[in-house]
């Protein structure tokens, strides 16, 4: 996994933790920030994956 993937995984985990914290202490702002972090990490991961697939150069046969 690349450094960007590890970073996005960390952001997603922080999002889950914030969501659970907000749900446990009835703090909706923290919960929604957690949801936004998780969703944002997922969307950025998908966008980078699609970009990488679209810009991939075909293999050259010798």
C-alpha atoms as a PDB file:
ATOM      1  CA  UNK A   1       0.000   0.000   0.000  1.00  0.00           C
ATOM      2  CA  UNK A   2       1.195   3.469  -0.795  1.00  0.00           C
ATOM      3  CA  UNK A   3       1.548   6.289   1.680  1.00  0.00           C
ATOM      4  CA  UNK A   4      -1.627   7.934   0.370  1.00  0.00           C
ATOM      5  CA  UNK A   5      -3.609   4.741   0.959  1.00  0.00           C
ATOM      6  CA  UNK A   6      -2.326   4.507   4.536  1.00  0.00           C
ATOM      7  CA  UNK A   7      -3.234   8.150   5.118  1.00  0.00           C
ATOM      8  CA  UNK A   8      -6.762   7.653   3.767  1.00  0.00           C
ATOM      9  CA  UNK A   9      -7.170   4.542   5.900  1.00  0.00           C
ATOM     10  CA  UNK A  10      -6.147   6.584   8.946  1.00  0.00           C
ATOM     11  CA  UNK A  11      -8.634   9.324   8.084  1.00  0.00           C
ATOM     12  CA  UNK A  12     -11.386   6.714   7.699  1.00  0.00           C
ATOM     13  CA  UNK A  13     -10.531   5.190  11.090  1.00  0.00           C
ATOM     14  CA  UNK A  14     -10.530   8.633  12.724  1.00  0.00           C
ATOM     15  CA  UNK A  15     -13.927   9.232  11.120  1.00  0.00           C
ATOM     16  CA  UNK A  16     -15.326   6.017  12.576  1.00  0.00           C
ATOM     17  CA  UNK A  17     -13.937   6.850  16.023  1.00  0.00           C
ATOM     18  CA  UNK A  18     -15.373  10.371  15.895  1.00  0.00           C
ATOM     19  CA  UNK A  19     -18.753   9.017  14.815  1.00  0.00           C
ATOM     20  CA  UNK A  20     -18.796   6.533  17.680  1.00  0.00           C
ATOM     21  CA  UNK A  21     -17.667   9.211  20.145  1.00  0.00           C
ATOM     22  CA  UNK A  22     -20.401  11.574  18.965  1.00  0.00           C
ATOM     23  CA  UNK A  23     -23.008   8.821  19.180  1.00  0.00           C
ATOM     24  CA  UNK A  24     -21.910   7.841  22.676  1.00  0.00           C
ATOM     25  CA  UNK A  25     -21.898  11.366  24.130  1.00  0.00           C
ATOM     26  CA  UNK A  26     -24.884  12.673  22.127  1.00  0.00           C
ATOM     27  CA  UNK A  27     -22.770  15.257  20.320  1.00  0.00           C
ATOM     28  CA  UNK A  28     -24.174  15.490  16.804  1.00  0.00           C
ATOM     29  CA  UNK A  29     -21.476  17.843  15.467  1.00  0.00           C
ATOM     30  CA  UNK A  30     -18.662  15.419  16.278  1.00  0.00           C
ATOM     31  CA  UNK A  31     -20.686  12.526  14.880  1.00  0.00           C
ATOM     32  CA  UNK A  32     -21.335  14.287  11.584  1.00  0.00           C
ATOM     33  CA  UNK A  33     -17.682  15.316  11.303  1.00  0.00           C
ATOM     34  CA  UNK A  34     -16.817  11.644  11.700  1.00  0.00           C
ATOM     35  CA  UNK A  35     -19.254  10.673   8.963  1.00  0.00           C
ATOM     36  CA  UNK A  36     -17.799  13.381   6.708  1.00  0.00           C
ATOM     37  CA  UNK A  37     -14.226  12.167   7.349  1.00  0.00           C
ATOM     38  CA  UNK A  38     -15.176   8.576   6.563  1.00  0.00           C
ATOM     39  CA  UNK A  39     -17.144   9.463   3.435  1.00  0.00           C
ATOM     40  CA  UNK A  40     -14.466  11.900   2.276  1.00  0.00           C
ATOM     41  CA  UNK A  41     -11.707   9.319   2.631  1.00  0.00           C
ATOM     42  CA  UNK A  42     -13.788   6.819   0.667  1.00  0.00           C
ATOM     43  CA  UNK A  43     -14.555   9.290  -2.135  1.00  0.00           C
ATOM     44  CA  UNK A  44     -10.922  10.434  -2.426  1.00  0.00           C
ATOM     45  CA  UNK A  45      -9.728   6.821  -2.511  1.00  0.00           C
ATOM     46  CA  UNK A  46     -12.163   5.995  -5.311  1.00  0.00           C
ATOM     47  CA  UNK A  47     -11.234   9.137  -7.254  1.00  0.00           C
ATOM     48  CA  UNK A  48      -7.510   8.369  -7.022  1.00  0.00           C
ATOM     49  CA  UNK A  49      -8.095   4.746  -8.008  1.00  0.00           C
ATOM     50  CA  UNK A  50     -10.156   5.707 -11.057  1.00  0.00           C
ATOM     51  CA  UNK A  51      -7.598   8.355 -12.045  1.00  0.00           C
ATOM     52  CA  UNK A  52      -4.808   5.815 -11.777  1.00  0.00           C
ATOM     53  CA  UNK A  53      -6.678   3.319 -13.930  1.00  0.00           C
ATOM     54  CA  UNK A  54      -7.532   5.897 -16.576  1.00  0.00           C
ATOM     55  CA  UNK A  55      -3.999   7.282 -16.842  1.00  0.00           C
ATOM     56  CA  UNK A  56      -2.291   3.887 -16.834  1.00  0.00           C
ATOM     57  CA  UNK A  57      -0.160   3.367 -19.894  1.00  0.00           C
ATOM     58  CA  UNK A  58      -0.639   0.103 -21.780  1.00  0.00           C
ATOM     59  CA  UNK A  59       2.160  -2.445 -21.642  1.00  0.00           C
ATOM     60  CA  UNK A  60       4.528  -2.346 -24.576  1.00  0.00           C
ATOM     61  CA  UNK A  61       5.339  -5.644 -26.235  1.00  0.00           C
ATOM     62  CA  UNK A  62       8.972  -6.013 -27.373  1.00  0.00           C
END
